[in-house]
């Protein structure tokens, strides 16, 4: 099977580095964004490995490389219309345990909603993050986790999942497990800021408040916020395990 990859960010870079080190002959081409530090890093890796590199604006030329599988490695753009025909099989890497937290900011929503978390490689369809699941790995959540720690855990786990799944991908033995979309969740970027506002007088639970605070603890990005007497504040939280229940030593 000839595999093409659209790669961006540290995850895309590390996926390309893994494939070049073990399975370079599987790569038909790599697509990077039109500009950016990671695009240049990935293009340099491919040049050293003798693999053709295309820019996003040149993506239609990918058809000439005849990939059997196209893998989106932390890719920032949606594939729409004719782009869905670039390869017979298109797989996406998504940092959540689908069908939970489809869409944007899954590291926030997994904590804010109390959903399971993980990483998923799924088949791409027109509906966002709704295609059948190919491979998954759950990431355990603890009280010390924040939006930042889950994001970085997902970065590491995604590279590991691609490496673990590569033999099946290259052989074309790719599962298609339908998602239970009704049992999961979907969020847009526009939902993030409203969900990060704390009403000081609204009834809530300690669990819910701590989950929202730690979900938005990801410096240098904005945190949860509240207003009091006309003054706006930001709030982050650090939770540290001090021992078993009742242990204060």
Foldseek 3Di string as FASTA:
>chain_A
DAEEEEAFDPLSQLLLVVCLVPPLVNYLAYEYEPDDDRSVSSVVSCVVSVHHYHYPVRLVCLLVSAGQEYEYGPPPDDQDDPSLVSHPWYKYKDFFAPPAAFEPLRLLCCLLVVNWTWIFIFTDDRDGPQWFTFDIDTDDDDLQAASANSVVVRSVRRSVRCVVCVVCVSVVVTDGHGGPNVPYDYDYPVVLQVLLEDDPPDDDDPSNVSSQQRHQPHPPDFGRWYDDPRDIDHGHDGDDDCDPPPDPD
